[in-house]
């Protein structure tokens, strides 16, 4: 039970960091968030963002998460 609670806390912290970083970049509306994710998909254009595109796109947009943190965020989104 302890590890389940710990995972939830870590996930919440990572998602909050992601949210704050996106807000700083101007993604304050659903439309703005959509533009951000559309830009992330520009690597292969399949209209789906995979974990690799997500991580690289976040880094290129100034969202400084580790690979592990980006993986947690990707799985939650």
Protein backbone atom coordinates (compact mmCIF):
# COMPACT_ATOMS: atom_id res chain seq x y z
CA UNK A 1 0.00 0.00 0.00
CA UNK A 2 2.88 2.37 0.78
CA UNK A 3 4.32 2.11 -2.74
CA UNK A 4 0.91 2.80 -4.29
CA UNK A 5 0.62 6.02 -2.31
CA UNK A 6 4.20 6.95 -3.13
CA UNK A 7 3.56 6.43 -6.86
CA UNK A 8 0.48 8.63 -6.65
CA UNK A 9 2.43 11.39 -4.91
CA UNK A 10 5.31 11.24 -7.40
CA UNK A 11 2.89 11.22 -10.33
CA UNK A 12 1.05 14.25 -8.93
CA UNK A 13 4.30 16.15 -8.46
CA UNK A 14 5.47 15.38 -12.00
CA UNK A 15 2.13 16.34 -13.54
CA UNK A 16 2.12 19.60 -11.57
CA UNK A 17 5.59 20.43 -12.91
CA UNK A 18 4.38 19.66 -16.42
CA UNK A 19 1.26 21.81 -15.96
CA UNK A 20 3.30 24.74 -14.64
CA UNK A 21 5.77 24.51 -17.52
CA UNK A 22 2.98 24.42 -20.12
CA UNK A 23 1.29 27.41 -18.51
CA UNK A 24 4.56 29.35 -18.68
CA UNK A 25 4.73 28.51 -22.40
CA UNK A 26 1.24 29.94 -22.97
CA UNK A 27 -0.78 26.73 -23.16
CA UNK A 28 -3.61 28.08 -21.01
CA UNK A 29 -6.57 26.85 -23.08
CA UNK A 30 -7.57 23.59 -24.69
CA UNK A 31 -6.77 25.15 -28.06
CA UNK A 32 -3.28 26.17 -26.90
CA UNK A 33 -2.67 22.74 -25.46
CA UNK A 34 -3.83 21.22 -28.75
CA UNK A 35 -1.30 23.34 -30.66
CA UNK A 36 1.43 22.20 -28.30
CA UNK A 37 0.59 18.53 -28.83
CA UNK A 38 0.20 18.99 -32.59
CA UNK A 39 3.73 20.41 -32.65
CA UNK A 40 4.95 17.39 -30.71
CA UNK A 41 3.58 15.09 -33.41
CA UNK A 42 5.41 16.91 -36.19
CA UNK A 43 8.25 14.38 -36.09
CA UNK A 44 6.41 11.67 -38.02
CA UNK A 45 3.00 13.22 -38.73
CA UNK A 46 0.95 10.16 -37.79
CA UNK A 47 -1.38 12.31 -35.64
CA UNK A 48 -0.34 10.36 -32.55
CA UNK A 49 2.23 11.49 -30.02
CA UNK A 50 4.44 8.62 -28.87
CA UNK A 51 6.63 8.66 -25.76
CA UNK A 52 9.75 9.65 -27.70
CA UNK A 53 8.05 12.60 -29.43
CA UNK A 54 6.57 13.63 -26.10
CA UNK A 55 9.96 13.71 -24.38
CA UNK A 56 11.81 15.48 -27.20
CA UNK A 57 8.97 17.94 -27.73
CA UNK A 58 8.86 18.85 -24.06
CA UNK A 59 12.62 19.39 -23.99
CA UNK A 60 12.47 21.59 -27.11
CA UNK A 61 9.67 23.64 -25.52
CA UNK A 62 11.63 24.30 -22.35
CA UNK A 63 9.85 21.76 -20.17
CA UNK A 64 12.70 20.26 -18.20
CA UNK A 65 11.63 16.81 -17.10
CA UNK A 66 13.82 13.76 -16.85
CA UNK A 67 13.09 10.86 -19.19
CA UNK A 68 11.51 8.96 -16.28
CA UNK A 69 9.32 11.95 -15.36
CA UNK A 70 8.25 12.38 -18.98
CA UNK A 71 7.39 8.67 -19.16
CA UNK A 72 5.21 8.99 -16.03
CA UNK A 73 3.47 12.04 -17.49
CA UNK A 74 2.98 10.36 -20.86
CA UNK A 75 1.37 7.30 -19.28
CA UNK A 76 -0.98 9.48 -17.25
CA UNK A 77 -2.07 11.59 -20.20
